[in-house]
Amino acid sequence: MRVTFTPLGTAAEANSNETVLDAARRADAPIGNSCGSVGVCGRCAVRVLAGAENLSAPTTIELRVSAQRGFAADERLACQAVVMGDVEVTTGYW
């Protein structure tokens, strides 16, 4: 289960039950996070470029935060999205 961070050109393998944020930390891909992965700050929002079907379904917290902040359909919280297969993500600040 490989998570690729575009356009950084970095990637990491995700272990079972790991989130996109977990993989980002291993790949040295800077993703904002200030709530300790609780899912309420919204700073870890990523845009899924490929493999959306390989992420867990949005959590209740993620659905609430995405509605409050007006996320696009392809945006997910990296701290809530569990990796279940290959995925490619980006952010607006890389």
PDB file of N, CA and C in Angstrom:
ATOM      1  N   MET A   1       0.848  -1.160   0.000  1.00  0.00           N
ATOM      2  CA  MET A   1       0.000   0.000   0.000  1.00  0.00           C
ATOM      3  C   MET A   1       0.902   1.233   0.000  1.00  0.00           C
ATOM      4  N   ARG A   2       1.065   1.789  -1.154  1.00  0.00           N
ATOM      5  CA  ARG A   2       1.990   2.901  -1.320  1.00  0.00           C
ATOM      6  C   ARG A   2       1.230   4.219  -1.373  1.00  0.00           C
ATOM      7  N   VAL A   3       1.710   5.207  -0.605  1.00  0.00           N
ATOM      8  CA  VAL A   3       1.145   6.552  -0.636  1.00  0.00           C
ATOM      9  C   VAL A   3       2.181   7.459  -1.288  1.00  0.00           C
ATOM     10  N   THR A   4       1.786   8.077  -2.393  1.00  0.00           N
ATOM     11  CA  THR A   4       2.674   8.971  -3.138  1.00  0.00           C
ATOM     12  C   THR A   4       2.246  10.408  -2.897  1.00  0.00           C
ATOM     13  N   PHE A   5       3.225  11.264  -2.653  1.00  0.00           N
ATOM     14  CA  PHE A   5       2.975  12.679  -2.365  1.00  0.00           C
ATOM     15  C   PHE A   5       3.477  13.525  -3.529  1.00  0.00           C
ATOM     16  N   THR A   6       2.538  14.038  -4.297  1.00  0.00           N
ATOM     17  CA  THR A   6       2.832  14.796  -5.509  1.00  0.00           C
ATOM     18  C   THR A   6       2.630  16.276  -5.226  1.00  0.00           C
ATOM     19  N   PRO A   7       3.459  17.167  -5.689  1.00  0.00           N
ATOM     20  CA  PRO A   7       4.624  17.012  -6.555  1.00  0.00           C
ATOM     21  C   PRO A   7       5.944  16.820  -5.826  1.00  0.00           C
ATOM     22  N   LEU A   8       5.900  16.492  -4.559  1.00  0.00           N
ATOM     23  CA  LEU A   8       7.135  16.335  -3.796  1.00  0.00           C
ATOM     24  C   LEU A   8       8.030  15.233  -4.329  1.00  0.00           C
ATOM     25  N   GLY A   9       7.422  14.227  -4.954  1.00  0.00           N
ATOM     26  CA  GLY A   9       8.208  13.114  -5.465  1.00  0.00           C
ATOM     27  C   GLY A   9       8.621  12.142  -4.381  1.00  0.00           C
ATOM     28  N   THR A  10       7.922  12.166  -3.249  1.00  0.00           N
ATOM     29  CA  THR A  10       8.219  11.224  -2.186  1.00  0.00           C
ATOM     30  C   THR A  10       7.066  10.245  -2.036  1.00  0.00           C
ATOM     31  N   ALA A  11       7.342   9.129  -1.398  1.00  0.00           N
ATOM     32  CA  ALA A  11       6.319   8.106  -1.175  1.00  0.00           C
ATOM     33  C   ALA A  11       6.713   7.293   0.046  1.00  0.00           C
ATOM     34  N   ALA A  12       5.717   6.593   0.592  1.00  0.00           N
ATOM     35  CA  ALA A  12       5.966   5.703   1.727  1.00  0.00           C
ATOM     36  C   ALA A  12       4.982   4.562   1.668  1.00  0.00           C
ATOM     37  N   GLU A  13       5.407   3.440   2.196  1.00  0.00           N
ATOM     38  CA  GLU A  13       4.515   2.297   2.337  1.00  0.00           C
ATOM     39  C   GLU A  13       3.702   2.500   3.607  1.00  0.00           C
ATOM     40  N   ALA A  14       2.415   2.228   3.532  1.00  0.00           N
ATOM     41  CA  ALA A  14       1.545   2.325   4.705  1.00  0.00           C
ATOM     42  C   ALA A  14       1.343   0.934   5.281  1.00  0.00           C
ATOM     43  N   ASN A  15       1.454   0.843   6.571  1.00  0.00           N
ATOM     44  CA  ASN A  15       1.189  -0.407   7.264  1.00  0.00           C
ATOM     45  C   ASN A  15      -0.308  -0.537   7.524  1.00  0.00           C
ATOM     46  N   SER A  16      -0.741  -1.687   7.975  1.00  0.00           N
ATOM     47  CA  SER A  16      -2.144  -1.930   8.266  1.00  0.00           C
ATOM     48  C   SER A  16      -2.674  -0.904   9.267  1.00  0.00           C
ATOM     49  N   ASN A  17      -3.853  -0.360   8.982  1.00  0.00           N
ATOM     50  CA  ASN A  17      -4.534   0.615   9.839  1.00  0.00           C
ATOM     51  C   ASN A  17      -3.806   1.937   9.985  1.00  0.00           C
ATOM     52  N   GLU A  18      -2.934   2.271   9.056  1.00  0.00           N
ATOM     53  CA  GLU A  18      -2.272   3.568   9.096  1.00  0.00           C
ATOM     54  C   GLU A  18      -3.006   4.572   8.217  1.00  0.00           C
ATOM     55  N   THR A  19      -2.919   5.824   8.615  1.00  0.00           N
ATOM     56  CA  THR A  19      -3.551   6.902   7.866  1.00  0.00           C
ATOM     57  C   THR A  19      -2.574   7.511   6.860  1.00  0.00           C
ATOM     58  N   VAL A  20      -3.111   8.346   6.007  1.00  0.00           N
ATOM     59  CA  VAL A  20      -2.273   9.090   5.065  1.00  0.00           C
ATOM     60  C   VAL A  20      -1.259   9.927   5.843  1.00  0.00           C
ATOM     61  N   LEU A  21      -1.674  10.509   6.958  1.00  0.00           N
ATOM     62  CA  LEU A  21      -0.767  11.312   7.768  1.00  0.00           C
ATOM     63  C   LEU A  21       0.376  10.473   8.330  1.00  0.00           C
ATOM     64  N   ASP A  22       0.099   9.267   8.761  1.00  0.00           N
ATOM     65  CA  ASP A  22       1.163   8.370   9.241  1.00  0.00           C
ATOM     66  C   ASP A  22       2.204   8.140   8.147  1.00  0.00           C
ATOM     67  N   ALA A  23       1.732   7.865   6.945  1.00  0.00           N
ATOM     68  CA  ALA A  23       2.645   7.628   5.819  1.00  0.00           C
ATOM     69  C   ALA A  23       3.407   8.899   5.468  1.00  0.00           C
ATOM     70  N   ALA A  24       2.739  10.046   5.552  1.00  0.00           N
ATOM     71  CA  ALA A  24       3.394  11.324   5.244  1.00  0.00           C
ATOM     72  C   ALA A  24       4.560  11.585   6.185  1.00  0.00           C
ATOM     73  N   ARG A  25       4.365  11.289   7.430  1.00  0.00           N
ATOM     74  CA  ARG A  25       5.450  11.485   8.402  1.00  0.00           C
ATOM     75  C   ARG A  25       6.654  10.628   8.062  1.00  0.00           C
ATOM     76  N   ARG A  26       6.406   9.399   7.651  1.00  0.00           N
ATOM     77  CA  ARG A  26       7.503   8.497   7.290  1.00  0.00           C
ATOM     78  C   ARG A  26       8.201   8.952   6.010  1.00  0.00           C
ATOM     79  N   ALA A  27       7.450   9.601   5.116  1.00  0.00           N
ATOM     80  CA  ALA A  27       8.012  10.058   3.844  1.00  0.00           C
ATOM     81  C   ALA A  27       8.584  11.471   3.937  1.00  0.00           C
ATOM     82  N   ASP A  28       8.557  12.060   5.127  1.00  0.00           N
ATOM     83  CA  ASP A  28       8.998  13.449   5.312  1.00  0.00           C
ATOM     84  C   ASP A  28       8.221  14.415   4.426  1.00  0.00           C
ATOM     85  N   ALA A  29       6.942  14.123   4.233  1.00  0.00           N
ATOM     86  CA  ALA A  29       6.055  15.000   3.475  1.00  0.00           C
ATOM     87  C   ALA A  29       5.330  15.887   4.478  1.00  0.00           C
ATOM     88  N   PRO A  30       5.608  17.183   4.475  1.00  0.00           N
ATOM     89  CA  PRO A  30       5.011  18.060   5.485  1.00  0.00           C
ATOM     90  C   PRO A  30       3.511  18.262   5.264  1.00  0.00           C
ATOM     91  N   ILE A  31       2.735  17.785   6.219  1.00  0.00           N
ATOM     92  CA  ILE A  31       1.293  17.996   6.212  1.00  0.00           C
ATOM     93  C   ILE A  31       0.940  18.647   7.539  1.00  0.00           C
ATOM     94  N   GLY A  32       0.237  19.782   7.476  1.00  0.00           N
ATOM     95  CA  GLY A  32      -0.159  20.496   8.677  1.00  0.00           C
ATOM     96  C   GLY A  32      -1.022  19.631   9.570  1.00  0.00           C
ATOM     97  N   ASN A  33      -0.862  19.819  10.883  1.00  0.00           N
ATOM     98  CA  ASN A  33      -1.667  19.078  11.850  1.00  0.00           C
ATOM     99  C   ASN A  33      -1.468  19.733  13.204  1.00  0.00           C
ATOM    100  N   SER A  34      -2.556  20.146  13.834  1.00  0.00           N
ATOM    101  CA  SER A  34      -2.415  20.760  15.148  1.00  0.00           C
ATOM    102  C   SER A  34      -3.344  20.168  16.195  1.00  0.00           C
ATOM    103  N   CYS A  35      -4.169  19.201  15.825  1.00  0.00           N
ATOM    104  CA  CYS A  35      -5.133  18.650  16.785  1.00  0.00           C
ATOM    105  C   CYS A  35      -4.726  17.273  17.297  1.00  0.00           C
ATOM    106  N   GLY A  36      -3.541  16.831  16.954  1.00  0.00           N
ATOM    107  CA  GLY A  36      -3.094  15.523  17.423  1.00  0.00           C
ATOM    108  C   GLY A  36      -3.811  14.373  16.757  1.00  0.00           C
ATOM    109  N   SER A  37      -4.231  14.561  15.508  1.00  0.00           N
ATOM    110  CA  SER A  37      -4.905  13.536  14.699  1.00  0.00           C
ATOM    111  C   SER A  37      -6.314  13.197  15.191  1.00  0.00           C
ATOM    112  N   VAL A  38      -6.930  14.134  15.881  1.00  0.00           N
ATOM    113  CA  VAL A  38      -8.305  13.951  16.322  1.00  0.00           C
ATOM    114  C   VAL A  38      -9.273  14.224  15.175  1.00  0.00           C
ATOM    115  N   GLY A  39      -8.851  15.063  14.225  1.00  0.00           N
ATOM    116  CA  GLY A  39      -9.664  15.335  13.046  1.00  0.00           C
ATOM    117  C   GLY A  39     -10.456  16.615  13.108  1.00  0.00           C
ATOM    118  N   VAL A  40     -10.200  17.468  14.088  1.00  0.00           N
ATOM    119  CA  VAL A  40     -11.021  18.662  14.234  1.00  0.00           C
ATOM    120  C   VAL A  40     -10.392  19.950  13.695  1.00  0.00           C
ATOM    121  N   CYS A  41      -9.088  19.977  13.488  1.00  0.00           N
ATOM    122  CA  CYS A  41      -8.465  21.230  13.037  1.00  0.00           C
ATOM    123  C   CYS A  41      -8.595  21.437  11.534  1.00  0.00           C
ATOM    124  N   GLY A  42      -8.646  20.360  10.776  1.00  0.00           N
ATOM    125  CA  GLY A  42      -8.771  20.471   9.325  1.00  0.00           C
ATOM    126  C   GLY A  42      -7.495  20.860   8.605  1.00  0.00           C
ATOM    127  N   ARG A  43      -6.404  21.032   9.318  1.00  0.00           N
ATOM    128  CA  ARG A  43      -5.154  21.464   8.696  1.00  0.00           C
ATOM    129  C   ARG A  43      -4.500  20.399   7.824  1.00  0.00           C
ATOM    130  N   CYS A  44      -4.875  19.148   8.009  1.00  0.00           N
ATOM    131  CA  CYS A  44      -4.226  18.066   7.262  1.00  0.00           C
ATOM    132  C   CYS A  44      -4.998  17.688   5.995  1.00  0.00           C
ATOM    133  N   ALA A  45      -5.839  18.579   5.521  1.00  0.00           N
ATOM    134  CA  ALA A  45      -6.614  18.289   4.311  1.00  0.00           C
ATOM    135  C   ALA A  45      -5.683  18.033   3.121  1.00  0.00           C
ATOM    136  N   VAL A  46      -5.960  16.969   2.407  1.00  0.00           N
ATOM    137  CA  VAL A  46      -5.217  16.639   1.192  1.00  0.00           C
ATOM    138  C   VAL A  46      -6.220  16.421   0.063  1.00  0.00           C
ATOM    139  N   ARG A  47      -5.757  16.622  -1.149  1.00  0.00           N
ATOM    140  CA  ARG A  47      -6.555  16.339  -2.332  1.00  0.00           C
ATOM    141  C   ARG A  47      -6.111  14.989  -2.878  1.00  0.00           C
ATOM    142  N   VAL A  48      -7.036  14.085  -3.081  1.00  0.00           N
ATOM    143  CA  VAL A  48      -6.725  12.749  -3.576  1.00  0.00           C
ATOM    144  C   VAL A  48      -6.683  12.797  -5.102  1.00  0.00           C
ATOM    145  N   LEU A  49      -5.512  12.535  -5.654  1.00  0.00           N
ATOM    146  CA  LEU A  49      -5.318  12.563  -7.107  1.00  0.00           C
ATOM    147  C   LEU A  49      -5.624  11.217  -7.744  1.00  0.00           C
ATOM    148  N   ALA A  50      -5.370  10.154  -7.024  1.00  0.00           N
ATOM    149  CA  ALA A  50      -5.620   8.792  -7.532  1.00  0.00           C
ATOM    150  C   ALA A  50      -5.771   7.848  -6.348  1.00  0.00           C
ATOM    151  N   GLY A  51      -6.622   6.848  -6.526  1.00  0.00           N
ATOM    152  CA  GLY A  51      -6.780   5.815  -5.519  1.00  0.00           C
ATOM    153  C   GLY A  51      -7.756   6.135  -4.408  1.00  0.00           C
ATOM    154  N   ALA A  52      -8.692   7.028  -4.638  1.00  0.00           N
ATOM    155  CA  ALA A  52      -9.676   7.372  -3.594  1.00  0.00           C
ATOM    156  C   ALA A  52     -10.403   6.134  -3.079  1.00  0.00           C
ATOM    157  N   GLU A  53     -10.605   5.177  -3.950  1.00  0.00           N
ATOM    158  CA  GLU A  53     -11.287   3.942  -3.555  1.00  0.00           C
ATOM    159  C   GLU A  53     -10.439   3.098  -2.593  1.00  0.00           C
ATOM    160  N   ASN A  54      -9.162   3.447  -2.468  1.00  0.00           N
ATOM    161  CA  ASN A  54      -8.255   2.719  -1.587  1.00  0.00           C
ATOM    162  C   ASN A  54      -8.100   3.380  -0.223  1.00  0.00           C
ATOM    163  N   LEU A  55      -9.009   4.302   0.100  1.00  0.00           N
ATOM    164  CA  LEU A  55      -9.037   4.931   1.415  1.00  0.00           C
ATOM    165  C   LEU A  55     -10.313   4.514   2.133  1.00  0.00           C
ATOM    166  N   SER A  56     -10.250   4.489   3.442  1.00  0.00           N
ATOM    167  CA  SER A  56     -11.441   4.160   4.231  1.00  0.00           C
ATOM    168  C   SER A  56     -12.527   5.201   3.985  1.00  0.00           C
ATOM    169  N   ALA A  57     -13.753   4.838   4.307  1.00  0.00           N
ATOM    170  CA  ALA A  57     -14.864   5.778   4.198  1.00  0.00           C
ATOM    171  C   ALA A  57     -14.645   6.923   5.188  1.00  0.00           C
ATOM    172  N   PRO A  58     -15.104   8.123   4.855  1.00  0.00           N
ATOM    173  CA  PRO A  58     -14.944   9.249   5.780  1.00  0.00           C
ATOM    174  C   PRO A  58     -15.600   8.969   7.137  1.00  0.00           C
ATOM    175  N   THR A  59     -14.908   9.361   8.197  1.00  0.00           N
ATOM    176  CA  THR A  59     -15.448   9.217   9.547  1.00  0.00           C
ATOM    177  C   THR A  59     -16.501  10.296   9.784  1.00  0.00           C
ATOM    178  N   THR A  60     -17.259  10.155  10.848  1.00  0.00           N
ATOM    179  CA  THR A  60     -18.263  11.158  11.212  1.00  0.00           C
ATOM    180  C   THR A  60     -17.608  12.519  11.431  1.00  0.00           C
ATOM    181  N   ILE A  61     -16.483  12.514  12.130  1.00  0.00           N
ATOM    182  CA  ILE A  61     -15.755  13.758  12.371  1.00  0.00           C
ATOM    183  C   ILE A  61     -15.315  14.376  11.048  1.00  0.00           C
ATOM    184  N   GLU A  62     -14.790  13.551  10.159  1.00  0.00           N
ATOM    185  CA  GLU A  62     -14.316  14.046   8.866  1.00  0.00           C
ATOM    186  C   GLU A  62     -15.459  14.636   8.053  1.00  0.00           C
ATOM    187  N   LEU A  63     -16.600  13.994   8.058  1.00  0.00           N
ATOM    188  CA  LEU A  63     -17.760  14.518   7.327  1.00  0.00           C
ATOM    189  C   LEU A  63     -18.191  15.869   7.880  1.00  0.00           C
ATOM    190  N   ARG A  64     -18.180  16.002   9.187  1.00  0.00           N
ATOM    191  CA  ARG A  64     -18.577  17.269   9.811  1.00  0.00           C
ATOM    192  C   ARG A  64     -17.592  18.386   9.474  1.00  0.00           C
ATOM    193  N   VAL A  65     -16.301  18.116   9.618  1.00  0.00           N
ATOM    194  CA  VAL A  65     -15.274  19.127   9.332  1.00  0.00           C
ATOM    195  C   VAL A  65     -15.288  19.502   7.853  1.00  0.00           C
ATOM    196  N   SER A  66     -15.420  18.523   6.974  1.00  0.00           N
ATOM    197  CA  SER A  66     -15.423  18.829   5.536  1.00  0.00           C
ATOM    198  C   SER A  66     -16.639  19.666   5.150  1.00  0.00           C
ATOM    199  N   ALA A  67     -17.784  19.424   5.778  1.00  0.00           N
ATOM    200  CA  ALA A  67     -18.981  20.231   5.502  1.00  0.00           C
ATOM    201  C   ALA A  67     -18.805  21.659   6.027  1.00  0.00           C
ATOM    202  N   GLN A  68     -18.251  21.794   7.222  1.00  0.00           N
ATOM    203  CA  GLN A  68     -18.037  23.109   7.819  1.00  0.00           C
ATOM    204  C   GLN A  68     -17.049  23.947   7.020  1.00  0.00           C
ATOM    205  N   ARG A  69     -16.051  23.301   6.463  1.00  0.00           N
ATOM    206  CA  ARG A  69     -14.988  24.021   5.748  1.00  0.00           C
ATOM    207  C   ARG A  69     -15.173  24.038   4.235  1.00  0.00           C
ATOM    208  N   GLY A  70     -16.211  23.390   3.757  1.00  0.00           N
ATOM    209  CA  GLY A  70     -16.491  23.402   2.323  1.00  0.00           C
ATOM    210  C   GLY A  70     -15.486  22.646   1.483  1.00  0.00           C
ATOM    211  N   PHE A  71     -15.055  21.488   1.955  1.00  0.00           N
ATOM    212  CA  PHE A  71     -14.108  20.680   1.189  1.00  0.00           C
ATOM    213  C   PHE A  71     -14.722  20.253  -0.146  1.00  0.00           C
ATOM    214  N   ALA A  72     -13.867  20.134  -1.146  1.00  0.00           N
ATOM    215  CA  ALA A  72     -14.276  19.569  -2.436  1.00  0.00           C
ATOM    216  C   ALA A  72     -14.446  18.059  -2.263  1.00  0.00           C
ATOM    217  N   ALA A  73     -15.114  17.443  -3.214  1.00  0.00           N
ATOM    218  CA  ALA A  73     -15.391  16.003  -3.145  1.00  0.00           C
ATOM    219  C   ALA A  73     -14.118  15.165  -3.083  1.00  0.00           C
ATOM    220  N   ASP A  74     -13.015  15.665  -3.624  1.00  0.00           N
ATOM    221  CA  ASP A  74     -11.770  14.885  -3.642  1.00  0.00           C
ATOM    222  C   ASP A  74     -10.837  15.215  -2.475  1.00  0.00           C
ATOM    223  N   GLU A  75     -11.310  15.967  -1.495  1.00  0.00           N
ATOM    224  CA  GLU A  75     -10.485  16.312  -0.341  1.00  0.00           C
ATOM    225  C   GLU A  75     -10.798  15.411   0.847  1.00  0.00           C
ATOM    226  N   ARG A  76      -9.745  15.026   1.555  1.00  0.00           N
ATOM    227  CA  ARG A  76      -9.871  14.170   2.733  1.00  0.00           C
ATOM    228  C   ARG A  76      -8.961  14.703   3.837  1.00  0.00           C
ATOM    229  N   LEU A  77      -9.272  14.351   5.065  1.00  0.00           N
ATOM    230  CA  LEU A  77      -8.380  14.644   6.182  1.00  0.00           C
ATOM    231  C   LEU A  77      -7.357  13.516   6.264  1.00  0.00           C
ATOM    232  N   ALA A  78      -6.083  13.868   6.145  1.00  0.00           N
ATOM    233  CA  ALA A  78      -5.021  12.865   6.145  1.00  0.00           C
ATOM    234  C   ALA A  78      -4.971  12.087   7.453  1.00  0.00           C
ATOM    235  N   CYS A  79      -5.394  12.699   8.546  1.00  0.00           N
ATOM    236  CA  CYS A  79      -5.340  12.016   9.842  1.00  0.00           C
ATOM    237  C   CYS A  79      -6.491  11.045  10.042  1.00  0.00           C
ATOM    238  N   GLN A  80      -7.494  11.092   9.189  1.00  0.00           N
ATOM    239  CA  GLN A  80      -8.658  10.222   9.326  1.00  0.00           C
ATOM    240  C   GLN A  80      -8.727   9.151   8.236  1.00  0.00           C
ATOM    241  N   ALA A  81      -8.129   9.404   7.085  1.00  0.00           N
ATOM    242  CA  ALA A  81      -8.212   8.501   5.937  1.00  0.00           C
ATOM    243  C   ALA A  81      -7.220   7.347   6.087  1.00  0.00           C
ATOM    244  N   VAL A  82      -7.742   6.165   6.349  1.00  0.00           N
ATOM    245  CA  VAL A  82      -6.905   4.976   6.503  1.00  0.00           C
ATOM    246  C   VAL A  82      -6.603   4.400   5.122  1.00  0.00           C
ATOM    247  N   VAL A  83      -5.337   4.102   4.894  1.00  0.00           N
ATOM    248  CA  VAL A  83      -4.870   3.602   3.608  1.00  0.00           C
ATOM    249  C   VAL A  83      -5.145   2.107   3.498  1.00  0.00           C
ATOM    250  N   MET A  84      -5.819   1.708   2.399  1.00  0.00           N
ATOM    251  CA  MET A  84      -6.123   0.293   2.160  1.00  0.00           C
ATOM    252  C   MET A  84      -5.581  -0.186   0.812  1.00  0.00           C
ATOM    253  N   GLY A  85      -4.838   0.684   0.132  1.00  0.00           N
ATOM    254  CA  GLY A  85      -4.256   0.371  -1.163  1.00  0.00           C
ATOM    255  C   GLY A  85      -3.488   1.587  -1.648  1.00  0.00           C
ATOM    256  N   ASP A  86      -2.947   1.514  -2.851  1.00  0.00           N
ATOM    257  CA  ASP A  86      -2.152   2.615  -3.391  1.00  0.00           C
ATOM    258  C   ASP A  86      -2.994   3.874  -3.552  1.00  0.00           C
ATOM    259  N   VAL A  87      -2.388   5.010  -3.178  1.00  0.00           N
ATOM    260  CA  VAL A  87      -3.076   6.292  -3.271  1.00  0.00           C
ATOM    261  C   VAL A  87      -2.040   7.386  -3.563  1.00  0.00           C
ATOM    262  N   GLU A  88      -2.488   8.442  -4.250  1.00  0.00           N
ATOM    263  CA  GLU A  88      -1.639   9.590  -4.546  1.00  0.00           C
ATOM    264  C   GLU A  88      -2.361  10.841  -4.088  1.00  0.00           C
ATOM    265  N   VAL A  89      -1.662  11.678  -3.317  1.00  0.00           N
ATOM    266  CA  VAL A  89      -2.280  12.884  -2.774  1.00  0.00           C
ATOM    267  C   VAL A  89      -1.396  14.107  -2.996  1.00  0.00           C
ATOM    268  N   THR A  90      -2.019  15.283  -2.835  1.00  0.00           N
ATOM    269  CA  THR A  90      -1.286  16.555  -2.889  1.00  0.00           C
ATOM    270  C   THR A  90      -1.970  17.511  -1.927  1.00  0.00           C
ATOM    271  N   THR A  91      -1.331  18.654  -1.705  1.00  0.00           N
ATOM    272  CA  THR A  91      -1.944  19.721  -0.921  1.00  0.00           C
ATOM    273  C   THR A  91      -1.794  21.016  -1.691  1.00  0.00           C
ATOM    274  N   GLY A  92      -2.467  22.047  -1.245  1.00  0.00           N
ATOM    275  CA  GLY A  92      -2.351  23.352  -1.900  1.00  0.00           C
ATOM    276  C   GLY A  92      -1.089  24.101  -1.541  1.00  0.00           C
ATOM    277  N   TYR A  93      -0.311  23.611  -0.583  1.00  0.00           N
ATOM    278  CA  TYR A  93       0.868  24.365  -0.146  1.00  0.00           C
ATOM    279  C   TYR A  93       2.203  23.712  -0.475  1.00  0.00           C
ATOM    280  N   TRP A  94       2.224  22.671  -1.250  1.00  0.00           N
ATOM    281  CA  TRP A  94       3.507  22.088  -1.666  1.00  0.00           C
ATOM    282  C   TRP A  94       3.975  22.755  -2.920  1.00  0.00           C
TER     283      TRP A  94
END
